[in-house]
N, C-alpha and C. Protein backbone atom coordinates (compact mmCIF):
# COMPACT_ATOMS: atom_id res chain seq x y z
N UNK A 1 160.69 103.97 65.97
CA UNK A 1 159.61 104.67 66.79
C UNK A 1 160.06 105.77 67.93
N UNK A 2 159.09 106.61 67.92
CA UNK A 2 159.65 107.55 68.82
C UNK A 2 159.28 107.50 70.27
N UNK A 3 159.99 108.03 71.16
CA UNK A 3 159.55 107.65 72.70
C UNK A 3 158.15 108.30 72.99
N UNK A 4 157.54 107.33 73.96
CA UNK A 4 156.26 107.98 74.60
C UNK A 4 156.44 108.71 75.44
N UNK A 5 155.45 109.46 75.56
CA UNK A 5 155.33 110.78 76.70
C UNK A 5 155.11 109.97 77.83
N UNK A 6 156.10 110.23 78.97
CA UNK A 6 155.69 109.74 80.22
C UNK A 6 154.65 110.57 81.13
N UNK A 7 153.42 109.65 80.91
CA UNK A 7 152.25 110.22 81.68
C UNK A 7 152.21 110.33 83.21
N UNK A 8 152.82 109.41 83.66
CA UNK A 8 153.13 109.54 85.30
C UNK A 8 154.46 108.90 85.68
N UNK A 9 154.68 109.14 87.21
CA UNK A 9 155.95 108.51 87.46
C UNK A 9 155.51 107.43 88.93
N UNK A 10 154.16 107.16 88.82
CA UNK A 10 153.96 106.14 89.54
C UNK A 10 152.54 105.09 89.19
N UNK A 11 152.57 103.89 89.38
CA UNK A 11 151.69 103.28 88.50
C UNK A 11 149.99 103.67 88.98
N UNK A 12 149.15 103.17 88.33
CA UNK A 12 147.72 103.40 88.61
C UNK A 12 146.95 102.08 89.25
N UNK A 13 146.57 101.85 90.21
CA UNK A 13 145.84 100.67 90.51
C UNK A 13 144.47 100.57 90.13
N UNK A 14 144.22 99.29 89.26
CA UNK A 14 143.03 99.30 88.46
C UNK A 14 142.25 97.73 88.88
N UNK A 15 141.16 97.57 88.98
CA UNK A 15 140.50 96.34 89.11
C UNK A 15 140.30 95.76 87.88
N UNK A 16 140.90 94.89 87.44
CA UNK A 16 140.44 94.31 85.98
C UNK A 16 139.35 93.46 86.10
N UNK A 17 138.70 92.97 85.25
CA UNK A 17 137.39 92.16 85.38
C UNK A 17 137.82 91.07 84.12
N UNK A 18 137.69 89.92 84.77
CA UNK A 18 137.88 88.62 83.96
C UNK A 18 136.92 88.74 82.65
N UNK A 19 137.76 88.34 81.57
CA UNK A 19 136.96 88.40 80.12
C UNK A 19 136.65 89.66 79.66
N UNK A 20 137.07 90.87 80.30
CA UNK A 20 136.83 92.05 79.57
C UNK A 20 138.03 92.63 78.86
N UNK A 21 137.89 93.01 77.91
CA UNK A 21 138.97 93.57 76.92
C UNK A 21 139.45 95.22 77.14
N UNK A 22 140.49 95.16 77.38
CA UNK A 22 141.26 96.77 77.73
C UNK A 22 141.96 97.17 76.57
N UNK A 23 142.44 98.37 76.48
CA UNK A 23 143.18 98.92 75.39
C UNK A 23 144.14 100.04 76.33
N UNK A 24 145.67 99.43 76.67
CA UNK A 24 146.53 100.02 77.19
C UNK A 24 146.84 101.53 76.44
N UNK A 25 147.19 102.32 77.04
CA UNK A 25 147.84 103.63 76.20
C UNK A 25 149.09 103.01 76.13
N UNK A 26 150.06 103.19 74.93
CA UNK A 26 151.28 103.14 74.94
C UNK A 26 151.79 104.58 74.36
N UNK A 27 151.23 105.50 73.94
CA UNK A 27 151.72 106.84 73.54
C UNK A 27 151.79 107.72 74.95
N UNK A 28 151.42 107.63 75.78
CA UNK A 28 151.37 108.49 76.87
C UNK A 28 150.26 109.78 76.79
N UNK A 29 149.80 110.25 75.68
CA UNK A 29 149.12 111.32 75.44
C UNK A 29 147.47 111.19 76.10
N UNK A 30 147.06 110.04 76.46
CA UNK A 30 145.55 109.65 76.90
C UNK A 30 145.34 110.33 78.04
N UNK A 31 144.29 111.21 78.11
CA UNK A 31 143.76 111.98 79.33
C UNK A 31 143.02 110.84 80.13
N UNK A 32 143.05 109.74 79.62
CA UNK A 32 142.36 108.42 80.49
C UNK A 32 143.26 107.53 81.02
N UNK A 33 144.36 107.98 81.42
CA UNK A 33 145.37 106.76 81.66
C UNK A 33 144.80 105.97 82.74
N UNK A 34 145.28 104.67 82.79
CA UNK A 34 146.26 104.01 81.92
C UNK A 34 145.63 103.48 80.46
N UNK A 35 144.75 103.94 80.46
CA UNK A 35 143.64 103.37 78.88
C UNK A 35 143.62 104.41 78.00
N UNK A 36 143.72 103.74 76.95
CA UNK A 36 143.50 104.43 75.61
C UNK A 36 142.57 105.45 75.33
N UNK A 37 142.44 106.70 74.49
CA UNK A 37 141.28 107.53 74.32
C UNK A 37 141.54 107.66 72.81
N UNK A 38 142.35 107.41 72.13
CA UNK A 38 142.59 107.62 70.68
C UNK A 38 143.75 108.83 70.53
N UNK A 39 144.17 109.22 71.64
CA UNK A 39 145.16 110.56 71.41
C UNK A 39 146.53 110.15 70.53
N UNK A 40 146.72 108.75 70.16
CA UNK A 40 147.64 108.49 69.24
C UNK A 40 147.50 108.41 68.05
N UNK A 41 146.21 108.76 67.70
CA UNK A 41 145.79 108.80 66.21
C UNK A 41 146.87 109.92 65.37
N UNK A 42 147.34 109.31 64.43
CA UNK A 42 148.30 110.21 63.54
C UNK A 42 149.73 109.73 63.82
N UNK A 43 149.90 108.82 64.81
CA UNK A 43 151.20 108.89 65.27
C UNK A 43 151.72 107.06 64.72
N UNK A 44 152.68 106.58 65.13
CA UNK A 44 153.03 105.42 65.13
C UNK A 44 152.67 104.49 66.26
N UNK A 45 151.80 105.00 67.34
CA UNK A 45 151.53 104.30 68.39
C UNK A 45 150.40 103.48 68.23
N UNK A 46 149.96 102.41 68.78
CA UNK A 46 148.88 101.68 68.78
C UNK A 46 148.45 101.07 70.24
N UNK A 47 147.33 101.39 70.76
CA UNK A 47 147.11 100.57 71.97
C UNK A 47 147.50 99.10 72.24
N UNK A 48 147.82 98.58 73.42
CA UNK A 48 147.88 97.46 73.55
C UNK A 48 146.62 97.15 73.99
N UNK A 49 146.09 95.93 73.16
CA UNK A 49 144.84 95.43 73.57
C UNK A 49 144.98 94.14 74.30
N UNK A 50 144.26 93.72 75.49
CA UNK A 50 144.56 92.54 75.83
C UNK A 50 142.95 92.16 76.63
N UNK A 51 142.65 90.89 77.02
CA UNK A 51 141.55 90.46 77.70
C UNK A 51 142.07 89.90 78.87
N UNK A 52 141.45 90.66 80.17
CA UNK A 52 141.97 89.88 81.62
C UNK A 52 141.50 88.72 81.46
N UNK A 53 142.46 87.79 82.26
CA UNK A 53 142.20 86.37 82.45
C UNK A 53 141.87 86.32 83.65
N UNK A 54 141.84 86.98 84.77
CA UNK A 54 141.16 86.72 86.00
C UNK A 54 140.92 88.28 86.36
N UNK A 55 139.68 88.36 87.39
CA UNK A 55 139.50 89.61 87.89
C UNK A 55 140.43 89.90 89.06
N UNK A 56 141.30 90.90 89.13
CA UNK A 56 142.17 91.02 90.25
C UNK A 56 142.50 92.64 90.06
N UNK A 57 143.25 93.08 91.33
CA UNK A 57 143.97 94.41 90.98
C UNK A 57 145.25 94.37 90.43
N UNK A 58 145.40 95.44 89.67
CA UNK A 58 146.78 95.39 89.03
C UNK A 58 147.37 96.68 89.19
N UNK A 59 148.81 97.16 89.12
CA UNK A 59 149.26 98.28 89.06
C UNK A 59 149.65 98.49 87.66
N UNK A 60 148.97 99.39 86.79
CA UNK A 60 149.23 99.70 85.44
C UNK A 60 150.24 100.82 85.19
N UNK A 61 151.23 100.63 84.41
CA UNK A 61 152.22 101.74 84.05
C UNK A 61 151.96 102.86 83.56
N UNK A 62 152.12 103.87 84.11
CA UNK A 62 152.02 105.02 83.36
C UNK A 62 153.21 106.07 82.86
N UNK A 63 154.44 105.21 83.17
CA UNK A 63 155.42 106.13 82.65
C UNK A 63 156.02 105.41 81.32
N UNK A 64 155.40 104.38 81.14
CA UNK A 64 155.36 103.77 79.64
C UNK A 64 156.87 103.45 79.52
N UNK A 65 157.43 103.06 80.58
CA UNK A 65 159.02 102.58 80.33
C UNK A 65 159.34 101.11 80.70
N UNK A 66 158.04 100.22 81.15
CA UNK A 66 157.95 99.07 81.61
C UNK A 66 158.25 98.02 80.07
N UNK A 67 158.99 96.80 81.05
CA UNK A 67 159.37 95.98 80.12
C UNK A 67 158.26 94.89 80.13
N UNK A 68 157.15 95.28 80.59
CA UNK A 68 155.48 94.24 80.53
C UNK A 68 154.66 95.16 80.10
N UNK A 69 154.79 95.60 78.76
CA UNK A 69 153.69 96.79 78.61
C UNK A 69 152.19 96.57 79.23
N UNK A 70 151.73 97.48 79.83
CA UNK A 70 150.51 97.50 80.46
C UNK A 70 150.47 97.50 81.89
N UNK A 71 151.69 96.64 82.43
CA UNK A 71 151.87 96.43 83.72
C UNK A 71 152.95 97.11 84.26
N UNK A 72 152.99 97.62 85.62
CA UNK A 72 154.24 98.16 86.23
C UNK A 72 154.86 97.02 86.59
N UNK A 73 156.56 97.52 86.16
CA UNK A 73 157.51 96.75 86.48
C UNK A 73 158.56 97.33 87.51
N UNK A 74 158.23 98.58 87.89
CA UNK A 74 159.03 99.43 88.68
C UNK A 74 160.34 100.25 87.85
N UNK A 75 160.01 100.42 86.50
CA UNK A 75 160.91 101.05 85.65
C UNK A 75 160.82 102.50 86.04
N UNK A 76 159.61 102.98 86.58
CA UNK A 76 159.48 104.62 86.84
C UNK A 76 160.53 104.94 87.91
N UNK A 77 161.02 104.02 88.79
CA UNK A 77 161.94 104.18 89.67
C UNK A 77 163.56 104.91 89.15
N UNK A 78 163.43 104.55 88.00
CA UNK A 78 164.77 104.82 87.27
C UNK A 78 164.79 106.30 86.49
N UNK A 79 163.54 106.91 86.52
CA UNK A 79 163.28 108.06 85.91
C UNK A 79 163.93 109.10 86.63
């Protein structure tokens, strides 16, 4: 699989709502970061779809290098 585009070098804080389904952009091409807008169409990338287990504010990854897809783990610091 090709490397994703680095969409940013810092996380985006997002308020997740318990029970709501989200689609995290894995290709880096979405103009709706950190969420998917379908820009991956025609590529090998697919969004990471997840349901928020609880309502909370999280740091969502924009560098696409995280070891925990969707959520920032500080990987952007090594770029």
